[in-house]
PDB file of N, CA and C in Angstrom:
ATOM      1  N   MET A   1      75.359  73.447  88.228  1.00  0.00           N
ATOM      2  CA  MET A   1      76.367  72.576  87.691  1.00  0.00           C
ATOM      3  C   MET A   1      77.381  73.361  86.861  1.00  0.00           C
ATOM      4  N   ALA A   2      76.890  74.309  86.093  1.00  0.00           N
ATOM      5  CA  ALA A   2      77.788  75.130  85.275  1.00  0.00           C
ATOM      6  C   ALA A   2      78.643  76.027  86.168  1.00  0.00           C
ATOM      7  N   LEU A   3      78.059  76.475  87.269  1.00  0.00           N
ATOM      8  CA  LEU A   3      78.807  77.315  88.207  1.00  0.00           C
ATOM      9  C   LEU A   3      79.991  76.547  88.788  1.00  0.00           C
ATOM     10  N   VAL A   4      79.795  75.297  89.143  1.00  0.00           N
ATOM     11  CA  VAL A   4      80.878  74.460  89.656  1.00  0.00           C
ATOM     12  C   VAL A   4      81.927  74.246  88.580  1.00  0.00           C
ATOM     13  N   ALA A   5      81.519  74.050  87.341  1.00  0.00           N
ATOM     14  CA  ALA A   5      82.452  73.824  86.247  1.00  0.00           C
ATOM     15  C   ALA A   5      83.303  75.066  85.980  1.00  0.00           C
ATOM     16  N   VAL A   6      82.785  76.245  86.277  1.00  0.00           N
ATOM     17  CA  VAL A   6      83.532  77.484  86.044  1.00  0.00           C
ATOM     18  C   VAL A   6      84.401  77.836  87.247  1.00  0.00           C
ATOM     19  N   LEU A   7      83.856  77.697  88.442  1.00  0.00           N
ATOM     20  CA  LEU A   7      84.571  78.140  89.636  1.00  0.00           C
ATOM     21  C   LEU A   7      85.569  77.120  90.183  1.00  0.00           C
ATOM     22  N   LEU A   8      85.307  75.854  90.043  1.00  0.00           N
ATOM     23  CA  LEU A   8      86.184  74.830  90.615  1.00  0.00           C
ATOM     24  C   LEU A   8      87.605  74.886  90.049  1.00  0.00           C
ATOM     25  N   PRO A   9      87.804  75.019  88.749  1.00  0.00           N
ATOM     26  CA  PRO A   9      89.185  75.132  88.252  1.00  0.00           C
ATOM     27  C   PRO A   9      89.903  76.377  88.769  1.00  0.00           C
ATOM     28  N   LEU A  10      89.179  77.478  88.908  1.00  0.00           N
ATOM     29  CA  LEU A  10      89.807  78.698  89.435  1.00  0.00           C
ATOM     30  C   LEU A  10      90.206  78.528  90.894  1.00  0.00           C
ATOM     31  N   VAL A  11      89.381  77.888  91.675  1.00  0.00           N
ATOM     32  CA  VAL A  11      89.692  77.651  93.086  1.00  0.00           C
ATOM     33  C   VAL A  11      90.888  76.706  93.198  1.00  0.00           C
ATOM     34  N   LEU A  12      90.899  75.655  92.391  1.00  0.00           N
ATOM     35  CA  LEU A  12      92.021  74.719  92.420  1.00  0.00           C
ATOM     36  C   LEU A  12      93.320  75.383  91.962  1.00  0.00           C
ATOM     37  N   LEU A  13      93.256  76.237  90.956  1.00  0.00           N
ATOM     38  CA  LEU A  13      94.432  76.959  90.500  1.00  0.00           C
ATOM     39  C   LEU A  13      94.953  77.896  91.594  1.00  0.00           C
ATOM     40  N   GLY A  14      94.039  78.588  92.269  1.00  0.00           N
ATOM     41  CA  GLY A  14      94.440  79.455  93.378  1.00  0.00           C
ATOM     42  C   GLY A  14      95.087  78.673  94.503  1.00  0.00           C
ATOM     43  N   ALA A  15      94.537  77.506  94.820  1.00  0.00           N
ATOM     44  CA  ALA A  15      95.118  76.664  95.873  1.00  0.00           C
ATOM     45  C   ALA A  15      96.495  76.157  95.456  1.00  0.00           C
ATOM     46  N   LEU A  16      96.649  75.805  94.200  1.00  0.00           N
ATOM     47  CA  LEU A  16      97.941  75.330  93.704  1.00  0.00           C
ATOM     48  C   LEU A  16      98.997  76.429  93.766  1.00  0.00           C
ATOM     49  N   LEU A  17      98.627  77.638  93.386  1.00  0.00           N
ATOM     50  CA  LEU A  17      99.567  78.754  93.462  1.00  0.00           C
ATOM     51  C   LEU A  17      99.917  79.095  94.907  1.00  0.00           C
ATOM     52  N   ALA A  18      98.943  79.033  95.788  1.00  0.00           N
ATOM     53  CA  ALA A  18      99.204  79.315  97.203  1.00  0.00           C
ATOM     54  C   ALA A  18     100.129  78.265  97.805  1.00  0.00           C
ATOM     55  N   LEU A  19      99.932  77.009  97.462  1.00  0.00           N
ATOM     56  CA  LEU A  19     100.818  75.960  97.976  1.00  0.00           C
ATOM     57  C   LEU A  19     102.226  76.101  97.415  1.00  0.00           C
ATOM     58  N   GLY A  20     102.348  76.510  96.156  1.00  0.00           N
ATOM     59  CA  GLY A  20     103.672  76.745  95.575  1.00  0.00           C
ATOM     60  C   GLY A  20     104.388  77.883  96.266  1.00  0.00           C
ATOM     61  N   TRP A  21     103.659  78.960  96.576  1.00  0.00           N
ATOM     62  CA  TRP A  21     104.249  80.090  97.295  1.00  0.00           C
ATOM     63  C   TRP A  21     104.685  79.672  98.702  1.00  0.00           C
ATOM     64  N   TYR A  22     103.847  78.879  99.354  1.00  0.00           N
ATOM     65  CA  TYR A  22     104.163  78.415 100.697  1.00  0.00           C
ATOM     66  C   TYR A  22     105.401  77.509 100.681  1.00  0.00           C
ATOM     67  N   GLU A  23     105.504  76.655  99.675  1.00  0.00           N
ATOM     68  CA  GLU A  23     106.664  75.768  99.570  1.00  0.00           C
ATOM     69  C   GLU A  23     107.941  76.578  99.358  1.00  0.00           C
ATOM     70  N   GLU A  24     107.898  77.574  98.492  1.00  0.00           N
ATOM     71  CA  GLU A  24     109.065  78.420  98.269  1.00  0.00           C
ATOM     72  C   GLU A  24     109.448  79.164  99.545  1.00  0.00           C
ATOM     73  N   LEU A  25     108.457  79.595 100.289  1.00  0.00           N
ATOM     74  CA  LEU A  25     108.717  80.308 101.537  1.00  0.00           C
ATOM     75  C   LEU A  25     109.392  79.396 102.555  1.00  0.00           C
ATOM     76  N   MET A  26     108.947  78.149 102.631  1.00  0.00           N
ATOM     77  CA  MET A  26     109.503  77.216 103.607  1.00  0.00           C
ATOM     78  C   MET A  26     110.882  76.697 103.201  1.00  0.00           C
ATOM     79  N   LEU A  27     111.143  76.546 101.913  1.00  0.00           N
ATOM     80  CA  LEU A  27     112.405  75.976 101.457  1.00  0.00           C
ATOM     81  C   LEU A  27     113.506  77.012 101.263  1.00  0.00           C
ATOM     82  N   SER A  28     113.165  78.266 101.152  1.00  0.00           N
ATOM     83  CA  SER A  28     114.181  79.293 100.932  1.00  0.00           C
ATOM     84  C   SER A  28     114.982  79.497 102.218  1.00  0.00           C
ATOM     85  N   PRO A  29     116.245  79.918 102.078  1.00  0.00           N
ATOM     86  CA  PRO A  29     117.043  80.170 103.286  1.00  0.00           C
ATOM     87  C   PRO A  29     116.450  81.333 104.070  1.00  0.00           C
ATOM     88  N   PRO A  30     116.573  81.291 105.377  1.00  0.00           N
ATOM     89  CA  PRO A  30     115.981  82.380 106.181  1.00  0.00           C
ATOM     90  C   PRO A  30     116.666  83.704 105.882  1.00  0.00           C
ATOM     91  N   ARG A  31     115.862  84.727 105.724  1.00  0.00           N
ATOM     92  CA  ARG A  31     116.404  86.055 105.476  1.00  0.00           C
ATOM     93  C   ARG A  31     116.721  86.724 106.795  1.00  0.00           C
ATOM     94  N   ARG A  32     117.796  87.465 106.809  1.00  0.00           N
ATOM     95  CA  ARG A  32     118.147  88.220 108.010  1.00  0.00           C
ATOM     96  C   ARG A  32     117.291  89.476 108.051  1.00  0.00           C
ATOM     97  N   ARG A  33     116.577  89.618 109.109  1.00  0.00           N
ATOM     98  CA  ARG A  33     115.716  90.788 109.244  1.00  0.00           C
ATOM     99  C   ARG A  33     116.497  91.909 109.914  1.00  0.00           C
ATOM    100  N   VAL A  34     116.464  93.058 109.312  1.00  0.00           N
ATOM    101  CA  VAL A  34     117.166  94.223 109.833  1.00  0.00           C
ATOM    102  C   VAL A  34     116.142  95.123 110.508  1.00  0.00           C
ATOM    103  N   ARG A  35     116.408  95.451 111.716  1.00  0.00           N
ATOM    104  CA  ARG A  35     115.509  96.351 112.435  1.00  0.00           C
ATOM    105  C   ARG A  35     115.892  97.789 112.136  1.00  0.00           C
ATOM    106  N   HIS A  36     114.896  98.573 111.832  1.00  0.00           N
ATOM    107  CA  HIS A  36     115.151  99.971 111.545  1.00  0.00           C
ATOM    108  C   HIS A  36     114.970 100.839 112.791  1.00  0.00           C
ATOM    109  N   LEU A  37     114.154 100.384 113.700  1.00  0.00           N
ATOM    110  CA  LEU A  37     113.902 101.143 114.918  1.00  0.00           C
ATOM    111  C   LEU A  37     114.474 100.389 116.104  1.00  0.00           C
ATOM    112  N   ARG A  38     115.137 101.107 116.977  1.00  0.00           N
ATOM    113  CA  ARG A  38     115.693 100.491 118.173  1.00  0.00           C
ATOM    114  C   ARG A  38     115.243 101.291 119.389  1.00  0.00           C
ATOM    115  N   LEU A  39     114.954 100.575 120.453  1.00  0.00           N
ATOM    116  CA  LEU A  39     114.554 101.256 121.680  1.00  0.00           C
ATOM    117  C   LEU A  39     115.746 101.904 122.369  1.00  0.00           C
ATOM    118  N   VAL A  40     116.890 101.233 122.305  1.00  0.00           N
ATOM    119  CA  VAL A  40     118.094 101.726 122.969  1.00  0.00           C
ATOM    120  C   VAL A  40     119.181 101.868 121.910  1.00  0.00           C
ATOM    121  N   PRO A  41     119.827 103.025 121.792  1.00  0.00           N
ATOM    122  CA  PRO A  41     120.884 103.164 120.788  1.00  0.00           C
ATOM    123  C   PRO A  41     122.098 102.314 121.144  1.00  0.00           C
ATOM    124  N   ASP A  42     122.891 101.989 120.149  1.00  0.00           N
ATOM    125  CA  ASP A  42     124.113 101.224 120.389  1.00  0.00           C
ATOM    126  C   ASP A  42     125.062 102.038 121.254  1.00  0.00           C
ATOM    127  N   PRO A  43     125.806 101.385 122.161  1.00  0.00           N
ATOM    128  CA  PRO A  43     126.752 102.129 122.999  1.00  0.00           C
ATOM    129  C   PRO A  43     127.866 102.778 122.196  1.00  0.00           C
ATOM    130  N   VAL A  44     128.209 102.242 121.044  1.00  0.00           N
ATOM    131  CA  VAL A  44     129.274 102.817 120.227  1.00  0.00           C
ATOM    132  C   VAL A  44     128.821 104.136 119.629  1.00  0.00           C
ATOM    133  N   ASP A  45     127.553 104.242 119.228  1.00  0.00           N
ATOM    134  CA  ASP A  45     127.040 105.461 118.607  1.00  0.00           C
ATOM    135  C   ASP A  45     126.799 106.577 119.617  1.00  0.00           C
ATOM    136  N   GLU A  46     126.505 106.241 120.833  1.00  0.00           N
ATOM    137  CA  GLU A  46     126.107 107.237 121.820  1.00  0.00           C
ATOM    138  C   GLU A  46     127.211 108.243 122.162  1.00  0.00           C
ATOM    139  N   PRO A  47     128.451 107.842 122.498  1.00  0.00           N
ATOM    140  CA  PRO A  47     129.468 108.845 122.845  1.00  0.00           C
ATOM    141  C   PRO A  47     129.833 109.752 121.668  1.00  0.00           C
ATOM    142  N   ALA A  48     129.812 109.234 120.456  1.00  0.00           N
ATOM    143  CA  ALA A  48     130.160 110.050 119.294  1.00  0.00           C
ATOM    144  C   ALA A  48     129.126 111.158 119.094  1.00  0.00           C
ATOM    145  N   GLN A  49     127.879 110.903 119.399  1.00  0.00           N
ATOM    146  CA  GLN A  49     126.854 111.919 119.238  1.00  0.00           C
ATOM    147  C   GLN A  49     126.854 112.897 120.407  1.00  0.00           C
ATOM    148  N   ALA A  50     127.220 112.458 121.582  1.00  0.00           N
ATOM    149  CA  ALA A  50     127.179 113.320 122.758  1.00  0.00           C
ATOM    150  C   ALA A  50     128.404 114.231 122.825  1.00  0.00           C
ATOM    151  N   ALA A  51     129.532 113.822 122.284  1.00  0.00           N
ATOM    152  CA  ALA A  51     130.761 114.603 122.391  1.00  0.00           C
ATOM    153  C   ALA A  51     130.649 115.988 121.737  1.00  0.00           C
ATOM    154  N   PRO A  52     130.167 116.146 120.521  1.00  0.00           N
ATOM    155  CA  PRO A  52     130.063 117.502 119.952  1.00  0.00           C
ATOM    156  C   PRO A  52     129.102 118.398 120.736  1.00  0.00           C
ATOM    157  N   ALA A  53     128.054 117.848 121.279  1.00  0.00           N
ATOM    158  CA  ALA A  53     127.116 118.662 122.055  1.00  0.00           C
ATOM    159  C   ALA A  53     127.772 119.167 123.339  1.00  0.00           C
ATOM    160  N   GLU A  54     128.553 118.311 123.999  1.00  0.00           N
ATOM    161  CA  GLU A  54     129.236 118.735 125.219  1.00  0.00           C
ATOM    162  C   GLU A  54     130.316 119.760 124.910  1.00  0.00           C
ATOM    163  N   ALA A  55     130.987 119.604 123.784  1.00  0.00           N
ATOM    164  CA  ALA A  55     132.022 120.565 123.415  1.00  0.00           C
ATOM    165  C   ALA A  55     131.406 121.928 123.134  1.00  0.00           C
ATOM    166  N   ALA A  56     130.246 121.946 122.500  1.00  0.00           N
ATOM    167  CA  ALA A  56     129.574 123.213 122.221  1.00  0.00           C
ATOM    168  C   ALA A  56     129.127 123.879 123.517  1.00  0.00           C
ATOM    169  N   LEU A  57     128.665 123.099 124.484  1.00  0.00           N
ATOM    170  CA  LEU A  57     128.261 123.672 125.771  1.00  0.00           C
ATOM    171  C   LEU A  57     129.473 124.249 126.501  1.00  0.00           C
ATOM    172  N   GLY A  58     130.602 123.532 126.427  1.00  0.00           N
ATOM    173  CA  GLY A  58     131.810 124.009 127.092  1.00  0.00           C
ATOM    174  C   GLY A  58     132.311 125.320 126.503  1.00  0.00           C
ATOM    175  N   ARG A  59     132.182 125.487 125.220  1.00  0.00           N
ATOM    176  CA  ARG A  59     132.621 126.720 124.571  1.00  0.00           C
ATOM    177  C   ARG A  59     131.724 127.885 124.964  1.00  0.00           C
ATOM    178  N   ARG A  60     130.448 127.631 125.148  1.00  0.00           N
ATOM    179  CA  ARG A  60     129.537 128.718 125.519  1.00  0.00           C
ATOM    180  C   ARG A  60     129.846 129.229 126.940  1.00  0.00           C
ATOM    181  N   HIS A  61     130.150 128.290 127.822  1.00  0.00           N
ATOM    182  CA  HIS A  61     130.417 128.696 129.202  1.00  0.00           C
ATOM    183  C   HIS A  61     131.771 129.362 129.341  1.00  0.00           C
ATOM    184  N   ALA A  62     132.702 128.986 128.518  1.00  0.00           N
ATOM    185  CA  ALA A  62     134.047 129.564 128.613  1.00  0.00           C
ATOM    186  C   ALA A  62     134.074 130.995 128.085  1.00  0.00           C
ATOM    187  N   ALA A  63     133.162 131.339 127.190  1.00  0.00           N
ATOM    188  CA  ALA A  63     133.196 132.678 126.589  1.00  0.00           C
ATOM    189  C   ALA A  63     132.538 133.652 127.468  1.00  0.00           C
TER     190      ALA A  63
END
């Protein structure tokens, strides 16, 4: 009986805090998730990165 008197308020407090966190999560505006890893690079970034490498190759062959 004493165990229930000690543990029940702690369990109820934990449930109350969890429900409050869940409510805040559901009511908050959706956050935009930014992906850090991409399988395919953007087409805009690709030519800018390839151009200096091709220029360096062209200079080696011309010399």
